Amino acid sequence: MRDINSDSDDAAIVTAVIAMAHSLNVLTIAEGVETDGQLAFLDSLQCGEYQGYYFAKPMPADEFQALLRRNQPEPPAV
């Protein structure tokens, strides 16, 4: 991921892998996303999922559970 915005070969490889995954109906997960530019590039290719320091640094399981709880949508009011 590191050089997809500055190295045309890296960008071409990522583009080809995502296109191949789409043609096979396979979900793509980009690992190592660290910048807005990388995310925008992957989003433009309709990459399925993303992970990396852009979203969060590695953390202990209890901190991750707390993060998930904080980011869950509120249930609809009845």
C-alpha atoms as a PDB file:
ATOM      1  CA  MET A   1       0.000   0.000   0.000  1.00  0.00           C
ATOM      2  CA  ARG A   2       2.789   2.367   0.888  1.00  0.00           C
ATOM      3  CA  ASP A   3       3.590   3.569  -2.638  1.00  0.00           C
ATOM      4  CA  ILE A   4       0.294   3.205  -4.503  1.00  0.00           C
ATOM      5  CA  ASN A   5       0.015   6.984  -4.835  1.00  0.00           C
ATOM      6  CA  SER A   6       3.577   7.482  -6.073  1.00  0.00           C
ATOM      7  CA  ASP A   7       4.606   4.299  -7.885  1.00  0.00           C
ATOM      8  CA  SER A   8       2.650   3.451 -11.023  1.00  0.00           C
ATOM      9  CA  ASP A   9       3.734  -0.208 -10.877  1.00  0.00           C
ATOM     10  CA  ASP A  10       2.403  -0.585  -7.332  1.00  0.00           C
ATOM     11  CA  ALA A  11      -0.837   1.131  -8.335  1.00  0.00           C
ATOM     12  CA  ALA A  12      -1.185  -1.167 -11.345  1.00  0.00           C
ATOM     13  CA  ILE A  13      -0.689  -4.284  -9.215  1.00  0.00           C
ATOM     14  CA  VAL A  14      -3.302  -3.187  -6.670  1.00  0.00           C
ATOM     15  CA  THR A  15      -5.710  -2.230  -9.463  1.00  0.00           C
ATOM     16  CA  ALA A  16      -5.275  -5.637 -11.126  1.00  0.00           C
ATOM     17  CA  VAL A  17      -5.740  -7.595  -7.888  1.00  0.00           C
ATOM     18  CA  ILE A  18      -8.940  -5.709  -7.013  1.00  0.00           C
ATOM     19  CA  ALA A  19     -10.288  -6.106 -10.561  1.00  0.00           C
ATOM     20  CA  MET A  20      -9.552  -9.843 -10.451  1.00  0.00           C
ATOM     21  CA  ALA A  21     -11.272 -10.165  -7.070  1.00  0.00           C
ATOM     22  CA  HIS A  22     -14.324  -8.353  -8.425  1.00  0.00           C
ATOM     23  CA  SER A  23     -14.499 -10.660 -11.453  1.00  0.00           C
ATOM     24  CA  LEU A  24     -14.380 -13.669  -9.108  1.00  0.00           C
ATOM     25  CA  ASN A  25     -16.903 -12.140  -6.684  1.00  0.00           C
ATOM     26  CA  VAL A  26     -14.314 -12.247  -3.895  1.00  0.00           C
ATOM     27  CA  LEU A  27     -14.255  -9.643  -1.144  1.00  0.00           C
ATOM     28  CA  THR A  28     -11.059  -7.593  -1.114  1.00  0.00           C
ATOM     29  CA  ILE A  29      -9.443  -6.424   2.115  1.00  0.00           C
ATOM     30  CA  ALA A  30      -6.637  -3.885   1.806  1.00  0.00           C
ATOM     31  CA  GLU A  31      -4.103  -4.143   4.613  1.00  0.00           C
ATOM     32  CA  GLY A  32      -1.667  -1.409   5.553  1.00  0.00           C
ATOM     33  CA  VAL A  33      -3.828   1.626   4.765  1.00  0.00           C
ATOM     34  CA  GLU A  34      -2.113   4.604   6.396  1.00  0.00           C
ATOM     35  CA  THR A  35      -3.083   7.773   4.484  1.00  0.00           C
ATOM     36  CA  ASP A  36      -6.051   9.653   3.029  1.00  0.00           C
ATOM     37  CA  GLY A  37      -4.532   9.205  -0.422  1.00  0.00           C
ATOM     38  CA  GLN A  38      -4.306   5.441  -0.099  1.00  0.00           C
ATOM     39  CA  LEU A  39      -7.875   5.239   1.146  1.00  0.00           C
ATOM     40  CA  ALA A  40      -9.149   7.455  -1.685  1.00  0.00           C
ATOM     41  CA  PHE A  41      -7.321   5.358  -4.290  1.00  0.00           C
ATOM     42  CA  LEU A  42      -8.686   2.093  -2.896  1.00  0.00           C
ATOM     43  CA  ASP A  43     -12.163   3.574  -2.582  1.00  0.00           C
ATOM     44  CA  SER A  44     -12.048   4.644  -6.245  1.00  0.00           C
ATOM     45  CA  LEU A  45     -11.428   0.979  -7.126  1.00  0.00           C
ATOM     46  CA  GLN A  46     -14.325  -0.118  -4.916  1.00  0.00           C
ATOM     47  CA  CYS A  47     -12.105  -2.124  -2.604  1.00  0.00           C
ATOM     48  CA  GLY A  48     -14.330  -4.036  -0.194  1.00  0.00           C
ATOM     49  CA  GLU A  49     -12.704  -3.483   3.199  1.00  0.00           C
ATOM     50  CA  TYR A  50      -9.706  -1.675   4.652  1.00  0.00           C
ATOM     51  CA  GLN A  51      -7.477  -1.969   7.675  1.00  0.00           C
ATOM     52  CA  GLY A  52      -4.368  -0.236   8.875  1.00  0.00           C
ATOM     53  CA  TYR A  53      -2.935   2.571  11.002  1.00  0.00           C
ATOM     54  CA  TYR A  54      -5.212   5.054   9.224  1.00  0.00           C
ATOM     55  CA  PHE A  55      -8.076   3.629  11.276  1.00  0.00           C
ATOM     56  CA  ALA A  56      -6.313   2.525  14.475  1.00  0.00           C
ATOM     57  CA  LYS A  57      -2.987   1.350  15.780  1.00  0.00           C
ATOM     58  CA  PRO A  58      -2.711  -2.196  17.183  1.00  0.00           C
ATOM     59  CA  MET A  59      -4.250  -2.385  20.648  1.00  0.00           C
ATOM     60  CA  PRO A  60      -5.028  -4.863  23.399  1.00  0.00           C
ATOM     61  CA  ALA A  61      -8.270  -6.818  23.045  1.00  0.00           C
ATOM     62  CA  ASP A  62     -10.060  -4.952  25.855  1.00  0.00           C
ATOM     63  CA  GLU A  63      -9.321  -1.578  24.218  1.00  0.00           C
ATOM     64  CA  PHE A  64     -10.554  -2.934  20.871  1.00  0.00           C
ATOM     65  CA  GLN A  65     -13.801  -4.121  22.468  1.00  0.00           C
ATOM     66  CA  ALA A  66     -14.311  -0.661  24.003  1.00  0.00           C
ATOM     67  CA  LEU A  67     -13.656   0.954  20.602  1.00  0.00           C
ATOM     68  CA  LEU A  68     -16.258  -1.292  18.981  1.00  0.00           C
ATOM     69  CA  ARG A  69     -18.800  -0.478  21.694  1.00  0.00           C
ATOM     70  CA  ARG A  70     -18.235   3.278  21.277  1.00  0.00           C
ATOM     71  CA  ASN A  71     -18.726   3.067  17.518  1.00  0.00           C
ATOM     72  CA  GLN A  72     -21.865   0.937  17.414  1.00  0.00           C
ATOM     73  CA  PRO A  73     -24.942   2.758  16.159  1.00  0.00           C
ATOM     74  CA  GLU A  74     -27.691   3.469  18.661  1.00  0.00           C
ATOM     75  CA  PRO A  75     -30.650   1.095  18.373  1.00  0.00           C
ATOM     76  CA  PRO A  76     -33.728   2.725  16.855  1.00  0.00           C
ATOM     77  CA  ALA A  77     -36.178   4.234  19.317  1.00  0.00           C
ATOM     78  CA  VAL A  78     -39.399   2.278  19.658  1.00  0.00           C
END
